[in-house]
N, C-alpha and C. Protein backbone atom coordinates (compact mmCIF):
# COMPACT_ATOMS: atom_id res chain seq x y z
N MET A 1 13.08 -6.62 3.50
CA MET A 1 11.87 -6.33 4.26
C MET A 1 10.82 -7.39 3.93
N ALA A 2 10.23 -7.95 4.93
CA ALA A 2 9.23 -9.01 4.74
C ALA A 2 7.92 -8.43 4.24
N THR A 3 7.21 -9.25 3.48
CA THR A 3 5.89 -8.86 3.01
C THR A 3 4.93 -8.93 4.18
N SER A 4 4.17 -7.89 4.38
CA SER A 4 3.16 -7.92 5.43
C SER A 4 1.91 -8.58 4.87
N PRO A 5 1.00 -8.99 5.74
CA PRO A 5 -0.25 -9.55 5.24
C PRO A 5 -0.97 -8.60 4.28
N VAL A 6 -0.78 -7.31 4.47
CA VAL A 6 -1.43 -6.33 3.60
C VAL A 6 -0.85 -6.40 2.20
N THR A 7 0.47 -6.41 2.07
CA THR A 7 1.08 -6.42 0.74
C THR A 7 0.99 -7.78 0.06
N ALA A 8 0.74 -8.85 0.81
CA ALA A 8 0.59 -10.17 0.20
C ALA A 8 -0.61 -10.21 -0.74
N PHE A 9 -1.51 -9.25 -0.60
CA PHE A 9 -2.71 -9.17 -1.44
C PHE A 9 -2.70 -7.91 -2.31
N ASN A 10 -1.52 -7.36 -2.59
CA ASN A 10 -1.43 -6.12 -3.36
C ASN A 10 -1.77 -6.29 -4.84
N LEU A 11 -1.62 -7.47 -5.39
CA LEU A 11 -1.88 -7.66 -6.82
C LEU A 11 -3.39 -7.59 -7.06
N LYS A 12 -3.79 -6.75 -8.00
CA LYS A 12 -5.21 -6.52 -8.27
C LYS A 12 -5.64 -7.02 -9.64
N GLN A 13 -4.66 -7.30 -10.49
CA GLN A 13 -4.96 -7.85 -11.82
C GLN A 13 -3.83 -8.79 -12.20
N PRO A 14 -4.11 -9.74 -13.08
CA PRO A 14 -3.08 -10.71 -13.46
C PRO A 14 -1.94 -10.05 -14.22
N CYS A 15 -0.73 -10.55 -13.99
CA CYS A 15 0.42 -10.04 -14.73
C CYS A 15 0.33 -10.49 -16.19
N GLY A 16 1.19 -9.98 -17.02
CA GLY A 16 1.16 -10.28 -18.45
C GLY A 16 1.39 -11.74 -18.79
N ALA A 17 2.07 -12.46 -17.92
CA ALA A 17 2.36 -13.88 -18.17
C ALA A 17 1.58 -14.80 -17.23
N CYS A 18 0.53 -14.30 -16.63
CA CYS A 18 -0.27 -15.10 -15.70
C CYS A 18 -0.91 -16.28 -16.43
N PRO A 19 -0.81 -17.49 -15.87
CA PRO A 19 -1.42 -18.65 -16.52
C PRO A 19 -2.95 -18.60 -16.55
N PHE A 20 -3.54 -17.67 -15.82
CA PHE A 20 -5.00 -17.54 -15.81
C PHE A 20 -5.52 -16.60 -16.90
N ARG A 21 -4.65 -15.89 -17.58
CA ARG A 21 -5.10 -14.94 -18.61
C ARG A 21 -5.69 -15.68 -19.81
N THR A 22 -6.79 -15.17 -20.31
CA THR A 22 -7.42 -15.76 -21.50
C THR A 22 -7.00 -15.05 -22.78
N ASP A 23 -6.31 -13.93 -22.65
CA ASP A 23 -5.86 -13.21 -23.84
C ASP A 23 -4.43 -13.59 -24.23
N GLN A 24 -3.90 -14.63 -23.60
CA GLN A 24 -2.59 -15.18 -23.91
C GLN A 24 -2.76 -16.67 -24.19
N PRO A 25 -1.88 -17.25 -24.99
CA PRO A 25 -2.00 -18.69 -25.25
C PRO A 25 -1.85 -19.51 -23.96
N ALA A 26 -2.64 -20.55 -23.85
CA ALA A 26 -2.52 -21.48 -22.72
C ALA A 26 -1.20 -22.22 -22.86
N PHE A 27 -0.49 -22.42 -21.77
CA PHE A 27 0.83 -23.04 -21.87
C PHE A 27 1.10 -24.12 -20.84
N LEU A 28 0.21 -24.30 -19.89
CA LEU A 28 0.45 -25.32 -18.87
C LEU A 28 0.08 -26.70 -19.37
N ASP A 29 0.79 -27.68 -18.85
CA ASP A 29 0.40 -29.06 -19.08
C ASP A 29 -1.00 -29.23 -18.47
N PRO A 30 -1.92 -29.88 -19.18
CA PRO A 30 -3.28 -30.02 -18.64
C PRO A 30 -3.33 -30.63 -17.25
N GLY A 31 -2.44 -31.58 -16.97
CA GLY A 31 -2.39 -32.18 -15.64
C GLY A 31 -2.00 -31.18 -14.57
N ARG A 32 -1.07 -30.30 -14.90
CA ARG A 32 -0.66 -29.27 -13.95
C ARG A 32 -1.79 -28.27 -13.73
N ALA A 33 -2.48 -27.89 -14.79
CA ALA A 33 -3.62 -26.97 -14.64
C ALA A 33 -4.68 -27.59 -13.74
N GLN A 34 -4.97 -28.86 -13.93
CA GLN A 34 -5.96 -29.55 -13.10
C GLN A 34 -5.50 -29.60 -11.64
N GLU A 35 -4.21 -29.88 -11.44
CA GLU A 35 -3.66 -29.93 -10.09
C GLU A 35 -3.81 -28.58 -9.38
N ILE A 36 -3.48 -27.50 -10.07
CA ILE A 36 -3.62 -26.15 -9.49
C ILE A 36 -5.08 -25.88 -9.16
N ALA A 37 -5.97 -26.17 -10.10
CA ALA A 37 -7.40 -25.94 -9.88
C ALA A 37 -7.91 -26.74 -8.69
N ASP A 38 -7.52 -28.01 -8.61
CA ASP A 38 -7.96 -28.86 -7.50
C ASP A 38 -7.50 -28.28 -6.16
N HIS A 39 -6.25 -27.84 -6.11
CA HIS A 39 -5.73 -27.27 -4.87
C HIS A 39 -6.45 -25.97 -4.51
N LEU A 40 -6.69 -25.12 -5.49
CA LEU A 40 -7.39 -23.87 -5.22
C LEU A 40 -8.81 -24.12 -4.74
N LEU A 41 -9.51 -25.04 -5.39
CA LEU A 41 -10.89 -25.33 -5.00
C LEU A 41 -10.97 -26.05 -3.65
N ALA A 42 -9.85 -26.66 -3.24
CA ALA A 42 -9.79 -27.31 -1.92
C ALA A 42 -9.41 -26.31 -0.82
N GLY A 43 -9.17 -25.06 -1.22
CA GLY A 43 -8.88 -24.03 -0.24
C GLY A 43 -7.44 -23.60 -0.13
N ASP A 44 -6.57 -24.16 -0.96
CA ASP A 44 -5.16 -23.79 -0.91
C ASP A 44 -4.91 -22.45 -1.60
N SER A 45 -3.74 -21.90 -1.32
CA SER A 45 -3.32 -20.64 -1.95
C SER A 45 -2.50 -20.92 -3.20
N PHE A 46 -2.42 -19.93 -4.06
CA PHE A 46 -1.57 -20.00 -5.24
C PHE A 46 -0.90 -18.65 -5.37
N HIS A 47 0.43 -18.66 -5.35
CA HIS A 47 1.19 -17.41 -5.38
C HIS A 47 1.60 -17.06 -6.80
N CYS A 48 1.70 -15.77 -7.05
CA CYS A 48 2.15 -15.28 -8.35
C CYS A 48 3.56 -15.80 -8.62
N HIS A 49 3.75 -16.36 -9.82
CA HIS A 49 5.05 -16.93 -10.17
C HIS A 49 6.16 -15.89 -10.15
N LYS A 50 5.81 -14.63 -10.36
CA LYS A 50 6.82 -13.57 -10.36
C LYS A 50 7.30 -13.23 -8.95
N THR A 51 6.62 -13.74 -7.93
CA THR A 51 7.00 -13.43 -6.55
C THR A 51 7.57 -14.64 -5.83
N LEU A 52 7.89 -15.70 -6.57
CA LEU A 52 8.50 -16.90 -5.98
C LEU A 52 10.02 -16.80 -6.07
N ASP A 53 10.71 -17.59 -5.28
CA ASP A 53 12.17 -17.65 -5.29
C ASP A 53 12.56 -18.90 -6.08
N TYR A 54 13.27 -18.69 -7.20
CA TYR A 54 13.68 -19.80 -8.06
C TYR A 54 15.16 -20.13 -7.91
N SER A 55 15.76 -19.79 -6.78
CA SER A 55 17.20 -20.00 -6.61
C SER A 55 17.58 -21.43 -6.24
N ALA A 56 16.63 -22.28 -5.94
CA ALA A 56 16.93 -23.67 -5.60
C ALA A 56 17.58 -24.36 -6.79
N GLU A 57 18.43 -25.33 -6.51
CA GLU A 57 19.15 -26.04 -7.58
C GLU A 57 18.22 -26.68 -8.59
N ASP A 58 17.07 -27.17 -8.13
CA ASP A 58 16.14 -27.82 -9.05
C ASP A 58 15.28 -26.82 -9.81
N GLY A 59 15.42 -25.53 -9.50
CA GLY A 59 14.68 -24.50 -10.22
C GLY A 59 13.23 -24.37 -9.83
N SER A 60 12.82 -25.12 -8.81
CA SER A 60 11.42 -25.03 -8.41
C SER A 60 11.18 -23.71 -7.68
N GLY A 61 10.02 -23.16 -7.87
CA GLY A 61 9.67 -21.91 -7.22
C GLY A 61 9.21 -22.15 -5.80
N GLU A 62 9.80 -21.43 -4.87
CA GLU A 62 9.45 -21.55 -3.46
C GLU A 62 8.86 -20.24 -2.98
N THR A 63 7.84 -20.33 -2.15
CA THR A 63 7.28 -19.11 -1.57
C THR A 63 8.24 -18.56 -0.53
N THR A 64 8.23 -17.26 -0.40
CA THR A 64 9.05 -16.57 0.59
C THR A 64 8.15 -15.59 1.33
N ASP A 65 8.74 -14.84 2.23
CA ASP A 65 7.96 -13.84 2.94
C ASP A 65 7.62 -12.65 2.04
N LYS A 66 8.13 -12.67 0.80
CA LYS A 66 7.81 -11.60 -0.15
C LYS A 66 6.83 -12.06 -1.23
N SER A 67 6.41 -13.30 -1.18
CA SER A 67 5.49 -13.83 -2.19
C SER A 67 4.10 -13.21 -2.04
N MET A 68 3.45 -12.99 -3.18
CA MET A 68 2.10 -12.42 -3.19
C MET A 68 1.14 -13.40 -3.85
N HIS A 69 -0.10 -13.31 -3.45
CA HIS A 69 -1.13 -14.18 -4.01
C HIS A 69 -1.42 -13.79 -5.46
N CYS A 70 -1.62 -14.79 -6.30
CA CYS A 70 -1.87 -14.59 -7.73
C CYS A 70 -3.23 -13.93 -7.93
N ALA A 71 -3.21 -12.75 -8.55
CA ALA A 71 -4.47 -12.04 -8.80
C ALA A 71 -5.36 -12.81 -9.76
N GLY A 72 -4.78 -13.45 -10.77
CA GLY A 72 -5.60 -14.22 -11.71
C GLY A 72 -6.37 -15.31 -11.01
N ALA A 73 -5.69 -16.05 -10.13
CA ALA A 73 -6.36 -17.11 -9.37
C ALA A 73 -7.44 -16.54 -8.46
N MET A 74 -7.12 -15.44 -7.78
CA MET A 74 -8.11 -14.85 -6.87
C MET A 74 -9.35 -14.37 -7.63
N ILE A 75 -9.14 -13.81 -8.82
CA ILE A 75 -10.28 -13.32 -9.60
C ILE A 75 -11.18 -14.48 -10.04
N VAL A 76 -10.56 -15.58 -10.51
CA VAL A 76 -11.38 -16.73 -10.90
C VAL A 76 -12.14 -17.27 -9.69
N LEU A 77 -11.48 -17.38 -8.55
CA LEU A 77 -12.17 -17.85 -7.34
C LEU A 77 -13.31 -16.91 -6.96
N GLU A 78 -13.11 -15.62 -7.11
CA GLU A 78 -14.19 -14.66 -6.82
C GLU A 78 -15.32 -14.78 -7.84
N HIS A 79 -14.99 -15.02 -9.12
CA HIS A 79 -16.04 -15.25 -10.12
C HIS A 79 -16.92 -16.43 -9.70
N GLU A 80 -16.29 -17.44 -9.14
CA GLU A 80 -17.04 -18.64 -8.72
C GLU A 80 -17.66 -18.48 -7.33
N GLU A 81 -17.41 -17.34 -6.71
CA GLU A 81 -17.87 -17.09 -5.34
C GLU A 81 -17.35 -18.17 -4.39
N ARG A 82 -16.05 -18.51 -4.59
CA ARG A 82 -15.39 -19.54 -3.77
C ARG A 82 -14.01 -19.06 -3.32
N PRO A 83 -13.92 -17.90 -2.66
CA PRO A 83 -12.60 -17.47 -2.20
C PRO A 83 -12.01 -18.50 -1.25
N ASN A 84 -10.70 -18.70 -1.33
CA ASN A 84 -10.09 -19.71 -0.46
C ASN A 84 -9.98 -19.19 0.98
N GLN A 85 -9.53 -20.05 1.85
CA GLN A 85 -9.53 -19.72 3.28
C GLN A 85 -8.70 -18.48 3.59
N ILE A 86 -7.50 -18.38 3.03
CA ILE A 86 -6.66 -17.23 3.34
C ILE A 86 -7.29 -15.93 2.82
N MET A 87 -7.98 -15.99 1.69
CA MET A 87 -8.67 -14.80 1.18
C MET A 87 -9.77 -14.37 2.15
N ARG A 88 -10.53 -15.34 2.64
CA ARG A 88 -11.63 -15.02 3.57
C ARG A 88 -11.10 -14.45 4.88
N ILE A 89 -10.04 -15.07 5.41
CA ILE A 89 -9.45 -14.58 6.66
C ILE A 89 -8.88 -13.18 6.46
N ALA A 90 -8.11 -13.01 5.38
CA ALA A 90 -7.49 -11.70 5.12
C ALA A 90 -8.55 -10.62 4.94
N GLU A 91 -9.67 -10.97 4.32
CA GLU A 91 -10.73 -9.97 4.14
C GLU A 91 -11.33 -9.58 5.50
N ARG A 92 -11.55 -10.57 6.36
CA ARG A 92 -12.09 -10.26 7.69
C ARG A 92 -11.15 -9.37 8.49
N LEU A 93 -9.85 -9.55 8.30
CA LEU A 93 -8.86 -8.77 9.04
C LEU A 93 -8.53 -7.44 8.36
N GLY A 94 -9.11 -7.21 7.19
CA GLY A 94 -8.89 -5.95 6.48
C GLY A 94 -7.64 -5.91 5.62
N PHE A 95 -7.03 -7.07 5.35
CA PHE A 95 -5.83 -7.14 4.51
C PHE A 95 -6.15 -7.33 3.04
N TYR A 96 -7.38 -7.69 2.74
CA TYR A 96 -7.79 -8.02 1.37
C TYR A 96 -9.19 -7.48 1.14
N ASP A 97 -9.38 -6.90 -0.03
CA ASP A 97 -10.70 -6.38 -0.41
C ASP A 97 -11.02 -6.92 -1.80
N HIS A 98 -11.94 -7.86 -1.88
CA HIS A 98 -12.27 -8.45 -3.18
C HIS A 98 -12.78 -7.40 -4.16
N LYS A 99 -13.33 -6.31 -3.68
CA LYS A 99 -13.83 -5.25 -4.56
C LYS A 99 -12.71 -4.50 -5.26
N ALA A 100 -11.48 -4.62 -4.75
CA ALA A 100 -10.33 -3.94 -5.36
C ALA A 100 -9.76 -4.72 -6.55
N LEU A 101 -10.14 -6.00 -6.69
CA LEU A 101 -9.66 -6.80 -7.83
C LEU A 101 -10.27 -6.29 -9.13
N ASN A 102 -9.50 -6.40 -10.20
CA ASN A 102 -10.02 -6.04 -11.52
C ASN A 102 -10.84 -7.22 -12.04
N MET A 103 -12.12 -7.21 -11.74
CA MET A 103 -12.99 -8.32 -12.12
C MET A 103 -13.26 -8.36 -13.63
N ASP A 104 -12.83 -7.34 -14.35
CA ASP A 104 -12.96 -7.33 -15.81
C ASP A 104 -11.69 -7.85 -16.48
N ALA A 105 -10.72 -8.28 -15.70
CA ALA A 105 -9.48 -8.81 -16.26
C ALA A 105 -9.78 -10.03 -17.13
N PRO A 106 -8.94 -10.27 -18.14
CA PRO A 106 -9.18 -11.40 -19.04
C PRO A 106 -8.81 -12.74 -18.40
N VAL A 107 -9.71 -13.25 -17.58
CA VAL A 107 -9.55 -14.56 -16.95
C VAL A 107 -10.86 -15.33 -17.10
N PRO A 108 -10.82 -16.65 -17.00
CA PRO A 108 -12.05 -17.44 -17.11
C PRO A 108 -13.02 -17.16 -15.97
N GLN A 109 -14.24 -17.56 -16.17
CA GLN A 109 -15.27 -17.40 -15.15
C GLN A 109 -15.27 -18.55 -14.15
N SER A 110 -14.55 -19.63 -14.46
CA SER A 110 -14.53 -20.79 -13.56
C SER A 110 -13.21 -21.55 -13.71
N MET A 111 -12.90 -22.34 -12.71
CA MET A 111 -11.71 -23.20 -12.78
C MET A 111 -11.88 -24.25 -13.87
N ALA A 112 -13.08 -24.77 -14.04
CA ALA A 112 -13.32 -25.77 -15.09
C ALA A 112 -13.02 -25.18 -16.46
N GLU A 113 -13.45 -23.95 -16.68
CA GLU A 113 -13.16 -23.28 -17.96
C GLU A 113 -11.66 -23.08 -18.12
N TRP A 114 -10.98 -22.72 -17.02
CA TRP A 114 -9.53 -22.50 -17.07
C TRP A 114 -8.80 -23.80 -17.42
N VAL A 115 -9.16 -24.89 -16.77
CA VAL A 115 -8.51 -26.18 -17.04
C VAL A 115 -8.75 -26.58 -18.50
N SER A 116 -9.96 -26.40 -18.99
CA SER A 116 -10.26 -26.81 -20.37
C SER A 116 -9.44 -26.02 -21.38
N ARG A 117 -9.08 -24.79 -21.06
CA ARG A 117 -8.23 -23.99 -21.95
C ARG A 117 -6.86 -24.64 -22.14
N HIS A 118 -6.39 -25.33 -21.12
CA HIS A 118 -5.05 -25.92 -21.17
C HIS A 118 -5.04 -27.32 -21.79
N GLU A 119 -6.22 -27.87 -22.05
CA GLU A 119 -6.28 -29.17 -22.73
C GLU A 119 -5.63 -29.01 -24.11
N GLY A 120 -4.65 -29.80 -24.38
CA GLY A 120 -3.98 -29.74 -25.67
C GLY A 120 -2.93 -28.65 -25.78
N ALA A 121 -2.76 -27.82 -24.75
CA ALA A 121 -1.74 -26.77 -24.80
C ALA A 121 -0.35 -27.39 -24.82
N ARG A 122 -0.20 -28.45 -24.09
CA ARG A 122 1.03 -29.24 -24.02
C ARG A 122 0.60 -30.68 -23.82
N GLY A 123 1.52 -31.52 -23.74
CA GLY A 123 1.10 -32.86 -23.43
C GLY A 123 2.07 -33.84 -23.73
């Protein structure tokens, strides 16, 4: 069964292994964290890693019709008052409600803060 636009926004708080969590050790390469932040701030989407398809031979995660938007990323974007385009459209259509997100979840207040957490995490 395909994910509907409604369920694509079902995640309300970051999962236990979300790269946006501040109560877990930072683990992304700083360059990758910056790349994700740049894409998010440019209006792109970021899907929860647990909802990607990793069956490709190279192991890269691909979005599918069952992929959901990362709650950690959405919360940080909402903290910055910079929801991306799909969040804004989905909210207008009634598929997404920013008030339903757990804004007290352990995530940074900004993308800059998030990227700085990953400095030195790997390299």
